[in-house]
Every structure is written in C-alpha cells, then in structure tokens.
Amino acid sequence: MNNPIALLPMYDWPEVHDATNEYWDALREALAEQGFTPPKYLSRPDDPFPLWRSPELLIAQTCGLPFVEHLSADVSLIGTPAYDIDCGAGSYFSVIVVHNDSHIETCADLDGAVFGYNDPLSQSGAAAFFSHLHTSDISANKIGRCERVMSHRNAIQQLSERKVDVAAIDAVTWELAMRHERATGCLRIIGQTVPTPGLPYITSRRPKAQVDRVHHAIVEAIASLSGTARDDLFLTGFAATTPSDYQFIKNRYDLVRGTMNACLT
C-alpha cells in the first residue's frame, strides 16, 4: 500500500472526536506492531463509499447493508465492535422513536405518518424499520410519506421539530444522542427492531493471515484505551464475525427490498 486509508465514520460525532482520535492513536500503534504502515490521521470524508472500496483501505467501519449488497466481494471482513448497549457482542438494533406528543404508541398507529430515514441503504435507519413492519404484519402503506434526512442526528432533530413523525435510530447513535443531543428530551421510544450483526470493520481484500493481524491489532487497541475513551465511544470489545453472519441482514432485506424501493423513491 502506497497510501493506506483508515476511516471510522459511523459514530464519529464532533462531541467524541477526541475519543475517536485517541482510539485511532492506539490503533496506529497496534497496527504498526503488526507490521502495517497506518496513516497518521483518519480520513473523514463526506462520502465514505469510494474509500470503502479502495484497494488502499487498511481499516474502516461500514454499515452491514452496504457490506452485503455492494462491498463483500471486494473487501475482507475484520470483525465487529461490541458496544455498551443491551445486545449481544457484535450485534445491535434500532429504536423506533416518535415525539412525546405524538399520537403514535406502536407502529400499528402509523396511519399517514412521515417516516424520516437517513439513507435508503441504511440497515439501522431504513431496512430494520421495514423489516420490523413486515414481521409485525403491518402494511408499509400506513406510512403517508418517506423523507430522506441524511443522518440519524438529523432524524432526531426533525422528530423534535415535528417535521417527521417516526424514525428508526441505531441503538449506539441513540446512546450518543442521549448524551449530546438536546432534541432527545422531547422524544420517546415506541419499539425496537430485531438485533442483527453490527457495523463491521473491513479492509481491502487480502490474505486471511493479514486480516487476522489487523483483528489482533484492534483487540489490543481497544484493551489499551483509557476508561474515559471507551465510555465516550461505548466500546466494550471486538467480536469475531464472518460474512455468513451478515447473510441474516441480506435475507431480511430481500423480504422488504421491493417495498423499500417503492417507498423510498
């Protein structure tokens, strides 16, 4: 690699940049000890997708749905972080959120609601919500309109402003928001989705022995973090996951793909 790339964009809110940078410093040291040449700084692009597919990618966190739909053939899966949420290591879920004053008590009450979502290829913000409706035998036709809001944080803010009526928020992002986003004070949770494998770490396609060395470096880096940084990032460990684990996401997405395409366009 001439210009190795590293990015950890998924939970890198401005309020936790210092903790993320501390984490990256620990990762850089651990990766160097494993024989890699990591970049000095993390990349923080507006659009991470081109870097996820770069042959220069050393380490990145992505979303499970883009991984199974577009990336898995071109990258190697390193593993999945574990977070301090009420879920199994390496798994996560979404919380379904409305305004405190909303008439919506369950997803059965969505009649005419505006659904705010971050991205049509988001597992937590879109696919998990439609899968929840599907498994609950609730028609997506209850939704009055779908509004793309570009991020979970924007969804939280627009819920508080009554610009959208309901949204599905990644559980780790929700914990961040409870600490750093005042808009959560006027919101409430009406449900949560089935747990799925969490947001994986990937690297460019490479031999398993190299992937294992990256995995080991991540485990060492997390273990070396200060308690404050781990708490700021909600990091508790790093799970050994495989591409077959993520088939669960693809299988569930395939059941709602047509509905999502119709609703989110």
Protein backbone atom coordinates (compact mmCIF):
# COMPACT_ATOMS: atom_id res chain seq x y z
CA MET A 1 0.00 0.00 0.00
CA ASN A 2 1.41 3.36 -1.03
CA ASN A 3 -1.23 5.48 0.69
CA PRO A 4 -3.08 3.39 3.25
CA ILE A 5 -6.51 4.66 4.24
CA ALA A 6 -8.29 4.47 7.59
CA LEU A 7 -11.72 5.81 8.47
CA LEU A 8 -14.15 5.30 11.35
CA PRO A 9 -17.09 7.45 10.25
CA MET A 10 -20.15 5.73 11.62
CA TYR A 11 -20.25 7.08 15.19
CA ASP A 12 -17.71 9.89 14.88
CA TRP A 13 -19.82 12.76 16.22
CA PRO A 14 -17.94 16.05 16.84
CA GLU A 15 -18.50 15.59 20.57
CA VAL A 16 -16.45 12.38 20.54
CA HIS A 17 -13.73 13.37 18.04
CA ASP A 18 -11.14 13.47 20.83
CA ALA A 19 -12.05 9.95 21.95
CA THR A 20 -12.05 8.71 18.34
CA ASN A 21 -8.62 10.28 17.81
CA GLU A 22 -7.34 8.59 20.98
CA TYR A 23 -8.71 5.31 19.68
CA TRP A 24 -7.01 5.88 16.35
CA ASP A 25 -3.68 6.61 18.06
CA ALA A 26 -3.99 3.26 19.86
CA LEU A 27 -4.94 1.53 16.60
CA ARG A 28 -1.99 3.10 14.75
CA GLU A 29 0.44 1.83 17.36
CA ALA A 30 -1.08 -1.66 17.40
CA LEU A 31 -1.22 -1.87 13.60
CA ALA A 32 2.42 -0.78 13.34
CA GLU A 33 3.37 -3.50 15.81
CA GLN A 34 1.66 -5.97 13.46
CA GLY A 35 3.82 -4.84 10.54
CA PHE A 36 1.43 -2.40 8.83
CA THR A 37 2.07 1.22 7.93
CA PRO A 38 -1.07 3.05 9.03
CA PRO A 39 -1.74 6.66 8.04
CA LYS A 40 -1.05 9.36 10.60
CA TYR A 41 -4.64 10.60 10.57
CA LEU A 42 -8.10 9.19 9.99
CA SER A 43 -9.87 10.19 6.81
CA ARG A 44 -13.17 11.96 7.47
CA PRO A 45 -14.85 12.20 4.04
CA ASP A 46 -18.36 13.43 3.41
CA ASP A 47 -18.98 10.27 1.38
CA PRO A 48 -17.12 7.20 2.69
CA PHE A 49 -18.26 4.84 -0.07
CA PRO A 50 -15.33 5.36 -2.51
CA LEU A 51 -12.85 4.79 0.31
CA TRP A 52 -14.62 1.63 1.47
CA ARG A 53 -13.90 0.18 -1.97
CA SER A 54 -10.34 1.49 -2.31
CA PRO A 55 -7.54 -1.07 -2.71
CA GLU A 56 -5.59 1.18 -0.32
CA LEU A 57 -8.06 0.61 2.53
CA LEU A 58 -6.36 -0.59 5.71
CA ILE A 59 -9.27 -0.29 8.13
CA ALA A 60 -12.76 1.17 8.08
CA GLN A 61 -16.15 0.78 9.67
CA THR A 62 -19.10 0.40 7.33
CA CYS A 63 -22.80 -0.44 7.61
CA GLY A 64 -24.00 -4.02 7.36
CA LEU A 65 -26.36 -3.40 4.45
CA PRO A 66 -23.80 -1.80 2.12
CA PHE A 67 -21.44 -4.59 3.14
CA VAL A 68 -23.76 -7.37 1.99
CA GLU A 69 -25.15 -5.52 -1.02
CA HIS A 70 -22.06 -3.87 -2.53
CA LEU A 71 -18.81 -4.48 -0.66
CA SER A 72 -18.43 -8.09 0.45
CA ALA A 73 -16.92 -9.32 -2.83
CA ASP A 74 -14.24 -6.61 -2.82
CA VAL A 75 -13.21 -6.36 0.84
CA SER A 76 -12.24 -8.59 3.75
CA LEU A 77 -14.29 -8.59 6.94
CA ILE A 78 -12.15 -8.00 10.03
CA GLY A 79 -14.80 -8.33 12.72
CA THR A 80 -17.40 -6.24 14.53
CA PRO A 81 -17.11 -3.94 17.54
CA ALA A 82 -19.15 -4.63 20.64
CA TYR A 83 -20.87 -1.69 22.28
CA ASP A 84 -22.38 -0.98 25.66
CA ILE A 85 -25.97 -1.46 24.58
CA ASP A 86 -28.42 -4.12 25.69
CA CYS A 87 -27.45 -6.57 22.97
CA GLY A 88 -25.07 -9.44 22.28
CA ALA A 89 -21.43 -8.68 21.47
CA GLY A 90 -21.10 -7.66 17.83
CA SER A 91 -24.85 -7.12 17.43
CA TYR A 92 -27.10 -4.07 17.55
CA PHE A 93 -30.66 -2.99 16.93
CA SER A 94 -32.63 0.15 16.19
CA VAL A 95 -35.01 2.03 18.45
CA ILE A 96 -38.20 3.35 16.86
CA VAL A 97 -38.73 6.90 18.03
CA VAL A 98 -41.54 9.48 17.96
CA HIS A 99 -42.20 12.86 19.56
CA ASN A 100 -43.50 12.85 23.14
CA ASP A 101 -46.71 14.48 21.96
CA SER A 102 -47.30 12.10 19.06
CA HIS A 103 -50.46 10.02 18.94
CA ILE A 104 -48.32 7.07 17.78
CA GLU A 105 -48.00 4.44 20.50
CA THR A 106 -46.97 1.49 18.31
CA CYS A 107 -46.21 1.01 14.65
CA ALA A 108 -49.82 -0.04 14.19
CA ASP A 109 -50.67 3.66 14.63
CA LEU A 110 -48.62 4.96 11.70
CA ASP A 111 -51.58 5.97 9.54
CA GLY A 112 -50.37 8.87 7.38
CA ALA A 113 -47.11 9.28 9.33
CA VAL A 114 -44.00 10.82 7.81
CA PHE A 115 -41.10 8.38 8.16
CA GLY A 116 -37.70 10.08 8.38
CA TYR A 117 -34.72 7.99 7.31
CA ASN A 118 -31.05 8.66 6.90
CA ASP A 119 -30.26 6.67 3.75
CA PRO A 120 -32.07 4.04 1.66
CA LEU A 121 -29.09 1.70 2.10
CA SER A 122 -29.01 2.05 5.88
CA GLN A 123 -29.64 -1.13 7.83
CA SER A 124 -30.50 0.65 11.07
CA GLY A 125 -32.34 3.65 9.65
CA ALA A 126 -34.33 2.04 6.85
CA ALA A 127 -34.13 -1.74 6.36
CA ALA A 128 -34.56 -2.55 10.06
CA PHE A 129 -37.71 -0.42 10.19
CA PHE A 130 -39.32 -2.03 7.13
CA SER A 131 -38.33 -5.50 8.39
CA HIS A 132 -39.99 -4.65 11.69
CA LEU A 133 -43.21 -3.71 9.87
CA HIS A 134 -43.02 -6.88 7.79
CA THR A 135 -42.54 -9.24 10.72
CA SER A 136 -45.25 -7.39 12.69
CA ASP A 137 -47.67 -7.83 9.77
CA ILE A 138 -48.09 -4.06 9.47
CA SER A 139 -48.51 -2.70 5.96
CA ALA A 140 -46.00 -0.11 4.81
CA ASN A 141 -48.96 1.57 3.12
CA LYS A 142 -49.75 3.04 6.53
CA ILE A 143 -46.81 5.42 6.00
CA GLY A 144 -48.00 8.65 4.46
CA ARG A 145 -44.63 9.81 3.17
CA CYS A 146 -40.93 8.96 3.49
CA GLU A 147 -38.49 11.82 3.95
CA ARG A 148 -34.74 11.34 3.50
CA VAL A 149 -32.96 13.39 6.17
CA MET A 150 -29.35 12.25 5.52
CA SER A 151 -28.30 11.22 9.06
CA HIS A 152 -29.62 9.75 12.28
CA ARG A 153 -28.88 13.01 14.08
CA ASN A 154 -30.93 14.96 11.54
CA ALA A 155 -33.75 12.47 12.03
CA ILE A 156 -33.66 13.07 15.79
CA GLN A 157 -33.71 16.83 15.30
CA GLN A 158 -36.52 16.70 12.76
CA LEU A 159 -38.56 14.47 15.06
CA SER A 160 -38.19 17.07 17.79
CA GLU A 161 -39.33 19.79 15.37
CA ARG A 162 -42.31 17.66 14.22
CA LYS A 163 -41.03 17.71 10.62
CA VAL A 164 -41.14 13.90 10.59
CA ASP A 165 -43.28 11.64 12.73
CA VAL A 166 -41.28 8.47 13.20
CA ALA A 167 -37.72 7.25 12.65
CA ALA A 168 -35.54 4.22 13.37
CA ILE A 169 -32.30 5.14 15.13
CA ASP A 170 -29.23 2.94 15.54
CA ALA A 171 -29.03 1.99 19.24
CA VAL A 172 -25.43 3.20 19.59
CA THR A 173 -26.31 6.51 17.93
CA TRP A 174 -29.28 6.82 20.27
CA GLU A 175 -26.95 6.44 23.27
CA LEU A 176 -24.69 9.14 21.79
CA ALA A 177 -27.70 11.36 21.24
CA MET A 178 -28.93 10.87 24.80
CA ARG A 179 -25.63 12.38 25.93
CA HIS A 180 -25.04 15.03 23.30
CA GLU A 181 -28.28 15.97 21.51
CA ARG A 182 -30.84 18.01 23.46
CA ALA A 183 -33.56 17.10 20.95
CA THR A 184 -33.86 13.65 22.58
CA GLY A 185 -35.52 15.31 25.57
CA CYS A 186 -38.83 15.58 23.74
CA LEU A 187 -38.73 12.13 22.14
CA ARG A 188 -39.75 8.66 23.25
CA ILE A 189 -39.15 5.09 22.11
CA ILE A 190 -42.15 3.05 20.96
CA GLY A 191 -40.32 -0.12 19.99
CA GLN A 192 -37.10 -1.72 18.88
CA THR A 193 -36.09 -3.91 15.99
CA VAL A 194 -34.69 -7.43 15.96
CA PRO A 195 -30.92 -7.50 16.66
CA THR A 196 -28.66 -8.04 13.68
CA PRO A 197 -24.88 -8.12 13.27
CA GLY A 198 -23.49 -4.67 13.99
CA LEU A 199 -21.46 -2.25 11.90
CA PRO A 200 -18.45 -4.25 10.66
CA TYR A 201 -14.81 -3.29 10.28
CA ILE A 202 -13.44 -4.03 6.83
CA THR A 203 -10.12 -3.90 4.97
CA SER A 204 -9.25 -4.25 1.31
CA ARG A 205 -9.25 -7.82 0.02
CA ARG A 206 -6.18 -9.55 1.46
CA PRO A 207 -4.96 -12.94 2.76
CA LYS A 208 -6.57 -14.25 5.93
CA ALA A 209 -3.26 -14.10 7.81
CA GLN A 210 -3.12 -10.34 7.24
CA VAL A 211 -6.76 -9.89 8.23
CA ASP A 212 -6.08 -11.81 11.44
CA ARG A 213 -3.21 -9.44 12.24
CA VAL A 214 -5.49 -6.43 11.78
CA HIS A 215 -8.08 -8.11 14.00
CA HIS A 216 -5.47 -8.69 16.70
CA ALA A 217 -4.36 -5.05 16.49
CA ILE A 218 -7.93 -3.85 17.04
CA VAL A 219 -8.38 -6.08 20.09
CA GLU A 220 -5.12 -4.78 21.55
CA ALA A 221 -6.02 -1.16 20.81
CA ILE A 222 -9.42 -1.38 22.49
CA ALA A 223 -7.87 -3.05 25.53
CA SER A 224 -5.31 -0.24 25.81
CA LEU A 225 -7.84 2.61 25.69
CA SER A 226 -8.49 4.73 28.74
CA GLY A 227 -11.74 4.05 30.52
CA THR A 228 -12.92 7.53 29.58
CA ALA A 229 -12.38 6.94 25.85
CA ARG A 230 -14.07 3.54 25.97
CA ASP A 231 -17.02 5.10 27.79
CA ASP A 232 -17.21 8.03 25.36
CA LEU A 233 -17.32 5.59 22.41
CA PHE A 234 -19.40 2.92 24.22
CA LEU A 235 -16.76 0.38 23.13
CA THR A 236 -16.56 -2.85 25.10
CA GLY A 237 -14.71 -5.23 22.78
CA PHE A 238 -14.37 -6.68 19.32
CA ALA A 239 -16.26 -9.73 18.10
CA ALA A 240 -15.04 -12.30 15.58
CA THR A 241 -17.70 -12.26 12.86
CA THR A 242 -17.81 -13.85 9.42
CA PRO A 243 -19.53 -12.93 6.14
CA SER A 244 -22.03 -15.73 6.76
CA ASP A 245 -23.18 -13.91 9.91
CA TYR A 246 -24.19 -10.96 7.73
CA GLN A 247 -26.32 -13.15 5.48
CA PHE A 248 -29.03 -12.60 8.09
CA ILE A 249 -29.15 -8.93 7.08
CA LYS A 250 -29.31 -9.77 3.38
CA ASN A 251 -32.05 -12.36 3.88
CA ARG A 252 -34.20 -9.89 5.80
CA TYR A 253 -33.52 -7.14 3.28
CA ASP A 254 -34.59 -9.37 0.40
CA LEU A 255 -38.01 -9.73 2.03
CA VAL A 256 -38.61 -5.97 2.05
CA ARG A 257 -36.49 -4.83 -0.90
CA GLY A 258 -39.48 -4.24 -3.17
CA THR A 259 -41.42 -2.37 -0.51
CA MET A 260 -38.43 -0.17 0.29
CA ASN A 261 -37.80 0.60 -3.36
CA ALA A 262 -41.41 1.70 -3.72
CA CYS A 263 -41.48 3.78 -0.54
CA LEU A 264 -38.05 5.40 -0.58
CA THR A 265 -38.02 6.72 -4.15
